[in-house]
Amino acid sequence: MKQILVFVSVVLVPAVALAQDAPKKPDKPKYETRREYDPNGINKFYMGRQIALVMGHSAADWLDRPEREMEEQPAKLLPLLKLKEGDAVADIGAGSGFYTFRLSPLVGEKGKIYAVDIQKEMLDLIKQRAKAKQITNVETVMGKISDPKLPDSAIDLILMVDVYHEFSHPFEMTEAMVKSLKPGGRIVFVEFRLEDETVPIKLVHKMSEKQVIKEMGVFPQLKHTKTHAELPWQHVIVFEKKSDEKKEK
């Protein structure tokens, strides 16, 4: 009886090479507490910045104040977002729905607005207003302090208006937001300018452009693409999630 010898070629891939191919997970910066801190914020610091207190649902009337149209000029913000019909947009920290209902007609019936908040009272208010306005492309989402609870790779644009500086877990929230973005999707920060002393907002509720870019620099998937200065009091700071093709380059 003849014996047949079969030679199998095995290629061993070093573990180091496999590790290099895997997407790099960002290192989590440490949160800090300090002996002295601004009472308008919590005693928690992130990358040198004190985190502000969250505005409660009892202040919903302030979000809808008539003066806001003149002070913040939201009509100037909407064109900067460059939304198109069919887009999926997350309004994180949606509050009373001030921007949710301005975004809704921009994405049309085929689009969707995810109104995200951690306060049930705010979401209930949005639901009531959506029903009264017969708006069907708004979905409310009960987020958590460390996770907006958005679907993976499904969002074209995340908008945060005067919200990010209040996140008690900014690293975890950003990590989850990046995960929810489609490749090429954008995160837009609208924050009161710390650089401008004339902006009549408490210091912990302001952010500098430099600080926003510093905090997003932890995430290699994000690229700062533009900062708009058209609004009277706020930056509009835009980041884009890199596609796989851009990562390879």
Foldseek 3Di string as FASTA:
>chain_A
DDDDDDDDDDDDDDPVVVVVPDDDDFDAFDWDFDPDDDPQADRIDDPRATFGADDDLVCLVVVVDPCCCVQWVCVVVVVVVVAAAQAEEEEAQCFQVPVVVVCQPRHPPNYAYEDFDQDVVSVVNNVVVCVVVVRDRYDYFNQDLQARPADFQRHQEYEYALHLSNRPHNVSHVVRVLRRHHQFHKYKYKAFDLVDPPQPDDNSSGDHPVVVCVVCVSPPQKDWDDWDDPTPGIITTMIGGHDPVVVVD
